[in-house]
Each structure stands twice: as C-alpha cells, then as structure tokens.
Amino acid sequence: FAIAGTTGITLLLATWLAVMRLTDNRHRLRLDRLRGQK
C-alpha cells in the first residue's frame, strides 16, 4: 500500500506542477513556456 500511495501522490504532484507551469493566471494554456527561455 505504501508504494501505491506514494506513486499516486507523486503522480498528482507532477501533474499539478505541470499545469501550474503551463497555464497563466487567467487559466490560458501557454505553449510558449514549453520551450523555455532563449
């Protein structure tokens, strides 16, 4: 159960961080952020 629980929490955290990184304050998808800074 510990491995499954840790995997689930890690998956949720990774998804949440990706959504926060790729959207702005108005909840618009910002694909330009995928490339990073030049």
Protein backbone atom coordinates (compact mmCIF):
# COMPACT_ATOMS: atom_id res chain seq x y z
CA PHE A 1 0.00 0.00 0.00
CA ALA A 2 2.86 2.37 0.72
CA ILE A 3 4.30 2.06 -2.79
CA ALA A 4 0.91 2.59 -4.43
CA GLY A 5 0.14 5.56 -2.19
CA THR A 6 3.50 7.19 -2.85
CA THR A 7 3.13 6.63 -6.58
CA GLY A 8 -0.33 8.20 -6.59
CA ILE A 9 0.75 11.25 -4.61
CA THR A 10 3.80 11.72 -6.84
CA LEU A 11 1.64 11.48 -9.96
CA LEU A 12 -0.78 14.10 -8.63
CA LEU A 13 2.08 16.41 -7.65
CA ALA A 14 3.78 16.11 -11.04
CA THR A 15 0.50 16.79 -12.85
CA TRP A 16 -0.27 19.80 -10.65
CA LEU A 17 3.21 21.26 -11.19
CA ALA A 18 2.94 20.80 -14.96
CA VAL A 19 -0.45 22.54 -15.03
CA MET A 20 0.87 25.43 -12.93
CA ARG A 21 3.88 25.76 -15.24
CA LEU A 22 1.90 25.68 -18.50
CA THR A 23 -1.01 27.97 -17.59
CA ASP A 24 -1.17 31.61 -16.61
CA ASN A 25 -3.31 33.41 -14.02
CA ARG A 26 -6.25 33.53 -16.43
CA HIS A 27 -6.11 29.73 -16.94
CA ARG A 28 -4.89 30.01 -20.51
CA LEU A 29 -2.60 27.34 -21.91
CA ARG A 30 0.84 28.85 -22.58
CA LEU A 31 2.60 26.59 -25.07
CA ASP A 32 5.46 29.09 -25.39
CA ARG A 33 6.54 28.07 -21.89
CA LEU A 34 7.36 24.57 -23.14
CA ARG A 35 10.42 25.86 -24.98
CA GLY A 36 11.79 27.78 -22.00
CA GLN A 37 13.76 30.99 -22.15
CA LYS A 38 16.10 31.71 -25.05
